[in-house]
PDB file of all heavy atoms in Angstrom:
ATOM      1  N   ALA A   1     -16.244   4.995 -11.836  1.00  0.00           N
ATOM      2  CA  ALA A   1     -14.877   4.897 -11.316  1.00  0.00           C
ATOM      3  C   ALA A   1     -14.545   3.458 -10.946  1.00  0.00           C
ATOM      4  O   ALA A   1     -13.470   2.952 -11.264  1.00  0.00           O
ATOM      5  CB  ALA A   1     -14.721   5.805 -10.097  1.00  0.00           C
ATOM      6  N   ARG A   2     -15.473   2.793 -10.262  1.00  0.00           N
ATOM      7  CA  ARG A   2     -15.239   1.394  -9.898  1.00  0.00           C
ATOM      8  C   ARG A   2     -15.128   0.522 -11.137  1.00  0.00           C
ATOM      9  O   ARG A   2     -14.330  -0.404 -11.199  1.00  0.00           O
ATOM     10  CB  ARG A   2     -16.350   0.889  -8.987  1.00  0.00           C
ATOM     11  CG  ARG A   2     -16.336   1.468  -7.578  1.00  0.00           C
ATOM     12  CD  ARG A   2     -17.244   0.671  -6.654  1.00  0.00           C
ATOM     13  NE  ARG A   2     -18.621   0.680  -7.119  1.00  0.00           N
ATOM     14  CZ  ARG A   2     -19.531   1.567  -6.735  1.00  0.00           C
ATOM     15  NH1 ARG A   2     -19.188   2.524  -5.886  1.00  0.00           N
ATOM     16  NH2 ARG A   2     -20.759   1.507  -7.185  1.00  0.00           N
ATOM     17  N   SER A   3     -15.966   0.806 -12.149  1.00  0.00           N
ATOM     18  CA  SER A   3     -15.937   0.016 -13.367  1.00  0.00           C
ATOM     19  C   SER A   3     -14.617   0.183 -14.112  1.00  0.00           C
ATOM     20  O   SER A   3     -14.065  -0.781 -14.637  1.00  0.00           O
ATOM     21  CB  SER A   3     -17.103   0.400 -14.281  1.00  0.00           C
ATOM     22  OG  SER A   3     -18.336   0.175 -13.640  1.00  0.00           O
ATOM     23  N   LEU A   4     -14.111   1.413 -14.169  1.00  0.00           N
ATOM     24  CA  LEU A   4     -12.828   1.657 -14.819  1.00  0.00           C
ATOM     25  C   LEU A   4     -11.724   0.851 -14.148  1.00  0.00           C
ATOM     26  O   LEU A   4     -10.892   0.236 -14.810  1.00  0.00           O
ATOM     27  CB  LEU A   4     -12.497   3.147 -14.781  1.00  0.00           C
ATOM     28  CG  LEU A   4     -13.200   4.043 -15.798  1.00  0.00           C
ATOM     29  CD1 LEU A   4     -13.003   5.505 -15.434  1.00  0.00           C
ATOM     30  CD2 LEU A   4     -12.699   3.769 -17.203  1.00  0.00           C
ATOM     31  N   GLU A   5     -11.708   0.862 -12.835  1.00  0.00           N
ATOM     32  CA  GLU A   5     -10.681   0.128 -12.119  1.00  0.00           C
ATOM     33  C   GLU A   5     -10.839  -1.370 -12.301  1.00  0.00           C
ATOM     34  O   GLU A   5      -9.861  -2.104 -12.441  1.00  0.00           O
ATOM     35  CB  GLU A   5     -10.724   0.478 -10.631  1.00  0.00           C
ATOM     36  CG  GLU A   5     -10.178   1.852 -10.312  1.00  0.00           C
ATOM     37  CD  GLU A   5      -9.834   1.996  -8.847  1.00  0.00           C
ATOM     38  OE1 GLU A   5     -10.408   1.251  -8.043  1.00  0.00           O
ATOM     39  OE2 GLU A   5      -8.998   2.842  -8.520  1.00  0.00           O
ATOM     40  N   ALA A   6     -12.095  -1.863 -12.295  1.00  0.00           N
ATOM     41  CA  ALA A   6     -12.318  -3.295 -12.424  1.00  0.00           C
ATOM     42  C   ALA A   6     -11.968  -3.786 -13.821  1.00  0.00           C
ATOM     43  O   ALA A   6     -11.465  -4.890 -13.990  1.00  0.00           O
ATOM     44  CB  ALA A   6     -13.776  -3.625 -12.096  1.00  0.00           C
ATOM     45  N   ASN A   7     -12.235  -2.975 -14.845  1.00  0.00           N
ATOM     46  CA  ASN A   7     -11.901  -3.373 -16.208  1.00  0.00           C
ATOM     47  C   ASN A   7     -10.400  -3.376 -16.448  1.00  0.00           C
ATOM     48  O   ASN A   7      -9.891  -4.153 -17.243  1.00  0.00           O
ATOM     49  CB  ASN A   7     -12.560  -2.426 -17.217  1.00  0.00           C
ATOM     50  CG  ASN A   7     -14.041  -2.681 -17.375  1.00  0.00           C
ATOM     51  OD1 ASN A   7     -14.555  -3.720 -16.963  1.00  0.00           O
ATOM     52  ND2 ASN A   7     -14.743  -1.737 -17.973  1.00  0.00           N
ATOM     53  N   SER A   8      -9.689  -2.491 -15.781  1.00  0.00           N
ATOM     54  CA  SER A   8      -8.260  -2.341 -16.013  1.00  0.00           C
ATOM     55  C   SER A   8      -7.476  -3.344 -15.180  1.00  0.00           C
ATOM     56  O   SER A   8      -7.530  -3.327 -13.950  1.00  0.00           O
ATOM     57  CB  SER A   8      -7.823  -0.913 -15.664  1.00  0.00           C
ATOM     58  OG  SER A   8      -6.424  -0.798 -15.733  1.00  0.00           O
ATOM     59  N   GLY A   9      -6.734  -4.214 -15.865  1.00  0.00           N
ATOM     60  CA  GLY A   9      -5.907  -5.172 -15.145  1.00  0.00           C
ATOM     61  C   GLY A   9      -4.855  -4.521 -14.269  1.00  0.00           C
ATOM     62  O   GLY A   9      -4.695  -4.885 -13.108  1.00  0.00           O
ATOM     63  N   PRO A  10      -4.082  -3.520 -14.778  1.00  0.00           N
ATOM     64  CA  PRO A  10      -3.093  -2.868 -13.916  1.00  0.00           C
ATOM     65  C   PRO A  10      -3.692  -2.236 -12.672  1.00  0.00           C
ATOM     66  O   PRO A  10      -3.100  -2.286 -11.594  1.00  0.00           O
ATOM     67  CB  PRO A  10      -2.483  -1.812 -14.840  1.00  0.00           C
ATOM     68  CG  PRO A  10      -2.636  -2.365 -16.207  1.00  0.00           C
ATOM     69  CD  PRO A  10      -3.945  -3.101 -16.181  1.00  0.00           C
ATOM     70  N   ALA A  11      -4.882  -1.628 -12.792  1.00  0.00           N
ATOM     71  CA  ALA A  11      -5.498  -1.002 -11.621  1.00  0.00           C
ATOM     72  C   ALA A  11      -5.891  -2.046 -10.588  1.00  0.00           C
ATOM     73  O   ALA A  11      -5.899  -1.775  -9.387  1.00  0.00           O
ATOM     74  CB  ALA A  11      -6.720  -0.185 -12.037  1.00  0.00           C
ATOM     75  N   PHE A  12      -6.208  -3.254 -11.051  1.00  0.00           N
ATOM     76  CA  PHE A  12      -6.606  -4.316 -10.123  1.00  0.00           C
ATOM     77  C   PHE A  12      -5.463  -4.710  -9.203  1.00  0.00           C
ATOM     78  O   PHE A  12      -5.687  -5.153  -8.085  1.00  0.00           O
ATOM     79  CB  PHE A  12      -7.086  -5.528 -10.926  1.00  0.00           C
ATOM     80  CG  PHE A  12      -7.553  -6.675 -10.074  1.00  0.00           C
ATOM     81  CD1 PHE A  12      -8.680  -6.555  -9.275  1.00  0.00           C
ATOM     82  CD2 PHE A  12      -6.887  -7.890 -10.082  1.00  0.00           C
ATOM     83  CE1 PHE A  12      -9.122  -7.608  -8.500  1.00  0.00           C
ATOM     84  CE2 PHE A  12      -7.321  -8.946  -9.309  1.00  0.00           C
ATOM     85  CZ  PHE A  12      -8.443  -8.808  -8.516  1.00  0.00           C
ATOM     86  N   VAL A  13      -4.223  -4.536  -9.687  1.00  0.00           N
ATOM     87  CA  VAL A  13      -3.073  -4.894  -8.859  1.00  0.00           C
ATOM     88  C   VAL A  13      -3.083  -4.105  -7.561  1.00  0.00           C
ATOM     89  O   VAL A  13      -2.786  -4.628  -6.482  1.00  0.00           O
ATOM     90  CB  VAL A  13      -1.767  -4.665  -9.635  1.00  0.00           C
ATOM     91  CG1 VAL A  13      -0.555  -4.941  -8.757  1.00  0.00           C
ATOM     92  CG2 VAL A  13      -1.735  -5.548 -10.867  1.00  0.00           C
ATOM     93  N   ARG A  14      -3.441  -2.816  -7.633  1.00  0.00           N
ATOM     94  CA  ARG A  14      -3.449  -2.007  -6.421  1.00  0.00           C
ATOM     95  C   ARG A  14      -4.505  -2.492  -5.425  1.00  0.00           C
ATOM     96  O   ARG A  14      -4.354  -2.342  -4.218  1.00  0.00           O
ATOM     97  CB  ARG A  14      -3.690  -0.537  -6.762  1.00  0.00           C
ATOM     98  CG  ARG A  14      -3.523   0.363  -5.546  1.00  0.00           C
ATOM     99  CD  ARG A  14      -3.630   1.821  -5.919  1.00  0.00           C
ATOM    100  NE  ARG A  14      -2.555   2.216  -6.796  1.00  0.00           N
ATOM    101  CZ  ARG A  14      -1.315   2.434  -6.370  1.00  0.00           C
ATOM    102  NH1 ARG A  14      -1.007   2.286  -5.107  1.00  0.00           N
ATOM    103  NH2 ARG A  14      -0.380   2.796  -7.215  1.00  0.00           N
ATOM    104  N   ARG A  15      -5.565  -3.076  -5.935  1.00  0.00           N
ATOM    105  CA  ARG A  15      -6.585  -3.607  -5.039  1.00  0.00           C
ATOM    106  C   ARG A  15      -6.036  -4.754  -4.201  1.00  0.00           C
ATOM    107  O   ARG A  15      -6.581  -5.104  -3.169  1.00  0.00           O
ATOM    108  CB  ARG A  15      -7.793  -4.084  -5.831  1.00  0.00           C
ATOM    109  CG  ARG A  15      -8.460  -3.017  -6.672  1.00  0.00           C
ATOM    110  CD  ARG A  15      -9.186  -2.019  -5.827  1.00  0.00           C
ATOM    111  NE  ARG A  15     -10.341  -2.592  -5.178  1.00  0.00           N
ATOM    112  CZ  ARG A  15     -11.105  -1.944  -4.317  1.00  0.00           C
ATOM    113  NH1 ARG A  15     -10.824  -0.707  -3.990  1.00  0.00           N
ATOM    114  NH2 ARG A  15     -12.148  -2.533  -3.777  1.00  0.00           N
ATOM    115  N   LEU A  16      -4.945  -5.357  -4.644  1.00  0.00           N
ATOM    116  CA  LEU A  16      -4.311  -6.415  -3.877  1.00  0.00           C
ATOM    117  C   LEU A  16      -3.319  -5.871  -2.858  1.00  0.00           C
ATOM    118  O   LEU A  16      -2.636  -6.617  -2.181  1.00  0.00           O
ATOM    119  CB  LEU A  16      -3.583  -7.385  -4.814  1.00  0.00           C
ATOM    120  CG  LEU A  16      -4.473  -8.191  -5.751  1.00  0.00           C
ATOM    121  CD1 LEU A  16      -3.615  -9.031  -6.682  1.00  0.00           C
ATOM    122  CD2 LEU A  16      -5.430  -9.074  -4.981  1.00  0.00           C
ATOM    123  N   GLY A  17      -3.197  -4.546  -2.793  1.00  0.00           N
ATOM    124  CA  GLY A  17      -2.334  -3.937  -1.788  1.00  0.00           C
ATOM    125  C   GLY A  17      -0.945  -3.644  -2.272  1.00  0.00           C
ATOM    126  O   GLY A  17      -0.059  -3.343  -1.475  1.00  0.00           O
ATOM    127  N   PHE A  18      -0.718  -3.701  -3.602  1.00  0.00           N
ATOM    128  CA  PHE A  18       0.622  -3.482  -4.133  1.00  0.00           C
ATOM    129  C   PHE A  18       0.821  -2.037  -4.559  1.00  0.00           C
ATOM    130  O   PHE A  18      -0.079  -1.437  -5.132  1.00  0.00           O
ATOM    131  CB  PHE A  18       0.855  -4.394  -5.338  1.00  0.00           C
ATOM    132  CG  PHE A  18       2.200  -4.236  -5.968  1.00  0.00           C
ATOM    133  CD1 PHE A  18       3.306  -4.810  -5.398  1.00  0.00           C
ATOM    134  CD2 PHE A  18       2.341  -3.522  -7.136  1.00  0.00           C
ATOM    135  CE1 PHE A  18       4.545  -4.683  -5.972  1.00  0.00           C
ATOM    136  CE2 PHE A  18       3.585  -3.376  -7.732  1.00  0.00           C
ATOM    137  CZ  PHE A  18       4.689  -3.968  -7.144  1.00  0.00           C
ATOM    138  N   LYS A  19       1.999  -1.515  -4.317  1.00  0.00           N
ATOM    139  CA  LYS A  19       2.360  -0.172  -4.781  1.00  0.00           C
ATOM    140  C   LYS A  19       3.532  -0.287  -5.733  1.00  0.00           C
ATOM    141  O   LYS A  19       4.465  -1.034  -5.499  1.00  0.00           O
ATOM    142  CB  LYS A  19       2.740   0.726  -3.605  1.00  0.00           C
ATOM    143  CG  LYS A  19       1.574   1.087  -2.715  1.00  0.00           C
ATOM    144  CD  LYS A  19       1.893   2.269  -1.864  1.00  0.00           C
ATOM    145  CE  LYS A  19       2.039   3.498  -2.708  1.00  0.00           C
ATOM    146  NZ  LYS A  19       2.241   4.710  -1.901  1.00  0.00           N
ATOM    147  N   SER A  20       3.470   0.463  -6.811  1.00  0.00           N
ATOM    148  CA  SER A  20       4.557   0.424  -7.785  1.00  0.00           C
ATOM    149  C   SER A  20       5.821   0.995  -7.169  1.00  0.00           C
ATOM    150  O   SER A  20       5.793   1.706  -6.173  1.00  0.00           O
ATOM    151  CB  SER A  20       4.177   1.217  -9.035  1.00  0.00           C
ATOM    152  OG  SER A  20       3.972   2.571  -8.701  1.00  0.00           O
ATOM    153  N   GLU A  21       6.943   0.676  -7.805  1.00  0.00           N
ATOM    154  CA  GLU A  21       8.235   1.088  -7.256  1.00  0.00           C
ATOM    155  C   GLU A  21       8.356   2.593  -7.140  1.00  0.00           C
ATOM    156  O   GLU A  21       9.014   3.116  -6.262  1.00  0.00           O
ATOM    157  CB  GLU A  21       9.355   0.538  -8.141  1.00  0.00           C
ATOM    158  CG  GLU A  21       9.444  -0.979  -8.114  1.00  0.00           C
ATOM    159  CD  GLU A  21      10.588  -1.484  -8.955  1.00  0.00           C
ATOM    160  OE1 GLU A  21      11.392  -0.653  -9.405  1.00  0.00           O
ATOM    161  OE2 GLU A  21      10.697  -2.693  -9.149  1.00  0.00           O
ATOM    162  N   SER A  22       7.725   3.303  -8.058  1.00  0.00           N
ATOM    163  CA  SER A  22       7.859   4.760  -8.022  1.00  0.00           C
ATOM    164  C   SER A  22       7.124   5.369  -6.847  1.00  0.00           C
ATOM    165  O   SER A  22       7.465   6.436  -6.370  1.00  0.00           O
ATOM    166  CB  SER A  22       7.305   5.360  -9.321  1.00  0.00           C
ATOM    167  OG  SER A  22       5.927   5.087  -9.437  1.00  0.00           O
ATOM    168  N   GLY A  23       6.067   4.679  -6.371  1.00  0.00           N
ATOM    169  CA  GLY A  23       5.291   5.204  -5.257  1.00  0.00           C
ATOM    170  C   GLY A  23       4.513   6.443  -5.595  1.00  0.00           C
ATOM    171  O   GLY A  23       4.068   7.168  -4.730  1.00  0.00           O
ATOM    172  N   LYS A  24       4.311   6.745  -6.878  1.00  0.00           N
ATOM    173  CA  LYS A  24       3.630   7.975  -7.289  1.00  0.00           C
ATOM    174  C   LYS A  24       2.273   7.632  -7.875  1.00  0.00           C
ATOM    175  O   LYS A  24       2.105   7.526  -9.077  1.00  0.00           O
ATOM    176  CB  LYS A  24       4.470   8.734  -8.312  1.00  0.00           C
ATOM    177  CG  LYS A  24       5.833   9.182  -7.766  1.00  0.00           C
ATOM    178  CD  LYS A  24       6.636   9.875  -8.835  1.00  0.00           C
ATOM    179  CE  LYS A  24       8.009  10.286  -8.311  1.00  0.00           C
ATOM    180  NZ  LYS A  24       8.827  10.930  -9.353  1.00  0.00           N
ATOM    181  N   GLY A  25       1.318   7.385  -7.012  1.00  0.00           N
ATOM    182  CA  GLY A  25      -0.039   7.148  -7.481  1.00  0.00           C
ATOM    183  C   GLY A  25      -0.206   5.767  -8.063  1.00  0.00           C
ATOM    184  O   GLY A  25       0.442   4.810  -7.669  1.00  0.00           O
ATOM    185  N   SER A  26      -1.099   5.664  -9.065  1.00  0.00           N
ATOM    186  CA  SER A  26      -1.462   4.385  -9.624  1.00  0.00           C
ATOM    187  C   SER A  26      -0.298   3.771 -10.390  1.00  0.00           C
ATOM    188  O   SER A  26       0.592   4.463 -10.861  1.00  0.00           O
ATOM    189  CB  SER A  26      -2.662   4.556 -10.563  1.00  0.00           C
ATOM    190  OG  SER A  26      -3.753   5.073  -9.857  1.00  0.00           O
ATOM    191  N   PRO A  27      -0.306   2.422 -10.527  1.00  0.00           N
ATOM    192  CA  PRO A  27       0.741   1.781 -11.314  1.00  0.00           C
ATOM    193  C   PRO A  27       0.769   2.334 -12.727  1.00  0.00           C
ATOM    194  O   PRO A  27      -0.259   2.689 -13.287  1.00  0.00           O
ATOM    195  CB  PRO A  27       0.324   0.310 -11.303  1.00  0.00           C
ATOM    196  CG  PRO A  27      -0.568   0.162 -10.127  1.00  0.00           C
ATOM    197  CD  PRO A  27      -1.257   1.478  -9.970  1.00  0.00           C
ATOM    198  N   ARG A  28       1.957   2.388 -13.308  1.00  0.00           N
ATOM    199  CA  ARG A  28       2.074   2.903 -14.659  1.00  0.00           C
ATOM    200  C   ARG A  28       1.286   2.025 -15.609  1.00  0.00           C
ATOM    201  O   ARG A  28       1.321   0.809 -15.532  1.00  0.00           O
ATOM    202  CB  ARG A  28       3.540   2.932 -15.080  1.00  0.00           C
ATOM    203  CG  ARG A  28       4.367   3.932 -14.297  1.00  0.00           C
ATOM    204  CD  ARG A  28       5.831   3.701 -14.573  1.00  0.00           C
ATOM    205  NE  ARG A  28       6.221   2.369 -14.120  1.00  0.00           N
ATOM    206  CZ  ARG A  28       7.294   1.734 -14.566  1.00  0.00           C
ATOM    207  NH1 ARG A  28       8.062   2.290 -15.475  1.00  0.00           N
ATOM    208  NH2 ARG A  28       7.601   0.540 -14.119  1.00  0.00           N
ATOM    209  N   VAL A  29       0.591   2.635 -16.542  1.00  0.00           N
ATOM    210  CA  VAL A  29      -0.297   1.887 -17.413  1.00  0.00           C
ATOM    211  C   VAL A  29       0.477   0.953 -18.334  1.00  0.00           C
ATOM    212  O   VAL A  29      -0.046  -0.019 -18.814  1.00  0.00           O
ATOM    213  CB  VAL A  29      -1.171   2.857 -18.237  1.00  0.00           C
ATOM    214  CG1 VAL A  29      -0.354   3.557 -19.299  1.00  0.00           C
ATOM    215  CG2 VAL A  29      -2.349   2.132 -18.865  1.00  0.00           C
ATOM    216  N   GLN A  30       1.786   1.210 -18.589  1.00  0.00           N
ATOM    217  CA  GLN A  30       2.508   0.381 -19.511  1.00  0.00           C
ATOM    218  C   GLN A  30       3.098  -0.853 -18.847  1.00  0.00           C
ATOM    219  O   GLN A  30       3.781  -1.626 -19.486  1.00  0.00           O
ATOM    220  CB  GLN A  30       3.642   1.167 -20.181  1.00  0.00           C
ATOM    221  CG  GLN A  30       4.799   1.526 -19.254  1.00  0.00           C
ATOM    222  CD  GLN A  30       4.617   2.881 -18.651  1.00  0.00           C
ATOM    223  OE1 GLN A  30       3.493   3.352 -18.516  1.00  0.00           O
ATOM    224  NE2 GLN A  30       5.703   3.541 -18.278  1.00  0.00           N
ATOM    225  N   THR A  31       2.856  -1.051 -17.569  1.00  0.00           N
ATOM    226  CA  THR A  31       3.468  -2.165 -16.870  1.00  0.00           C
ATOM    227  C   THR A  31       2.569  -3.384 -16.882  1.00  0.00           C
ATOM    228  O   THR A  31       1.452  -3.378 -17.376  1.00  0.00           O
ATOM    229  CB  THR A  31       3.769  -1.780 -15.417  1.00  0.00           C
ATOM    230  OG1 THR A  31       2.547  -1.388 -14.786  1.00  0.00           O
ATOM    231  CG2 THR A  31       4.756  -0.640 -15.342  1.00  0.00           C
ATOM    232  N   PHE A  32       3.101  -4.456 -16.279  1.00  0.00           N
ATOM    233  CA  PHE A  32       2.352  -5.674 -15.994  1.00  0.00           C
ATOM    234  C   PHE A  32       1.925  -6.431 -17.250  1.00  0.00           C
ATOM    235  O   PHE A  32       0.766  -6.790 -17.416  1.00  0.00           O
ATOM    236  CB  PHE A  32       1.148  -5.395 -15.094  1.00  0.00           C
ATOM    237  CG  PHE A  32       1.497  -4.559 -13.893  1.00  0.00           C
ATOM    238  CD1 PHE A  32       0.721  -3.489 -13.522  1.00  0.00           C
ATOM    239  CD2 PHE A  32       2.626  -4.828 -13.150  1.00  0.00           C
ATOM    240  CE1 PHE A  32       1.042  -2.714 -12.421  1.00  0.00           C
ATOM    241  CE2 PHE A  32       2.963  -4.062 -12.051  1.00  0.00           C
ATOM    242  CZ  PHE A  32       2.176  -2.998 -11.691  1.00  0.00           C
ATOM    243  N   ALA A  33       2.873  -6.643 -18.171  1.00  0.00           N
ATOM    244  CA  ALA A  33       2.718  -7.607 -19.259  1.00  0.00           C
ATOM    245  C   ALA A  33       1.586  -7.297 -20.212  1.00  0.00           C
ATOM    246  O   ALA A  33       0.915  -8.194 -20.680  1.00  0.00           O
ATOM    247  CB  ALA A  33       2.541  -9.015 -18.671  1.00  0.00           C
ATOM    248  N   TRP A  34       1.360  -6.011 -20.530  1.00  0.00           N
ATOM    249  CA  TRP A  34       0.346  -5.683 -21.531  1.00  0.00           C
ATOM    250  C   TRP A  34       0.672  -6.394 -22.839  1.00  0.00           C
ATOM    251  O   TRP A  34      -0.212  -6.840 -23.540  1.00  0.00           O
ATOM    252  CB  TRP A  34       0.287  -4.172 -21.722  1.00  0.00           C
ATOM    253  CG  TRP A  34      -0.925  -3.692 -22.444  1.00  0.00           C
ATOM    254  CD1 TRP A  34      -2.216  -3.742 -22.006  1.00  0.00           C
ATOM    255  CD2 TRP A  34      -0.962  -3.074 -23.731  1.00  0.00           C
ATOM    256  NE1 TRP A  34      -3.061  -3.191 -22.942  1.00  0.00           N
ATOM    257  CE2 TRP A  34      -2.318  -2.770 -24.009  1.00  0.00           C
ATOM    258  CE3 TRP A  34       0.006  -2.739 -24.671  1.00  0.00           C
ATOM    259  CZ2 TRP A  34      -2.718  -2.161 -25.188  1.00  0.00           C
ATOM    260  CZ3 TRP A  34      -0.396  -2.119 -25.847  1.00  0.00           C
ATOM    261  CH2 TRP A  34      -1.749  -1.837 -26.098  1.00  0.00           C
ATOM    262  N   ASN A  35       1.920  -6.452 -23.191  1.00  0.00           N
ATOM    263  CA  ASN A  35       2.428  -7.413 -24.169  1.00  0.00           C
ATOM    264  C   ASN A  35       3.874  -7.702 -23.792  1.00  0.00           C
ATOM    265  O   ASN A  35       4.385  -7.149 -22.806  1.00  0.00           O
ATOM    266  CB  ASN A  35       2.284  -6.914 -25.616  1.00  0.00           C
ATOM    267  CG  ASN A  35       3.051  -5.624 -25.894  1.00  0.00           C
ATOM    268  OD1 ASN A  35       4.201  -5.466 -25.490  1.00  0.00           O
ATOM    269  ND2 ASN A  35       2.406  -4.687 -26.584  1.00  0.00           N
ATOM    270  N   ALA A  36       4.532  -8.568 -24.540  1.00  0.00           N
ATOM    271  CA  ALA A  36       5.865  -9.013 -24.137  1.00  0.00           C
ATOM    272  C   ALA A  36       6.971  -8.033 -24.493  1.00  0.00           C
ATOM    273  O   ALA A  36       8.106  -8.223 -24.061  1.00  0.00           O
ATOM    274  CB  ALA A  36       6.169 -10.376 -24.770  1.00  0.00           C
TER     275      ALA A  36
END
C-alpha cells in the first residue's frame, strides 16, 4: 500500500496535506498534469 502511494505522483499530493476539490477520497487519477 505504501509503495503504491509512493509510486503514484497524484497520491503523493495528499501526503502534502492537500484535498481535491470534490473532497471525495483520493485525488482523481486523471488530474495533476499526467499530460497536457
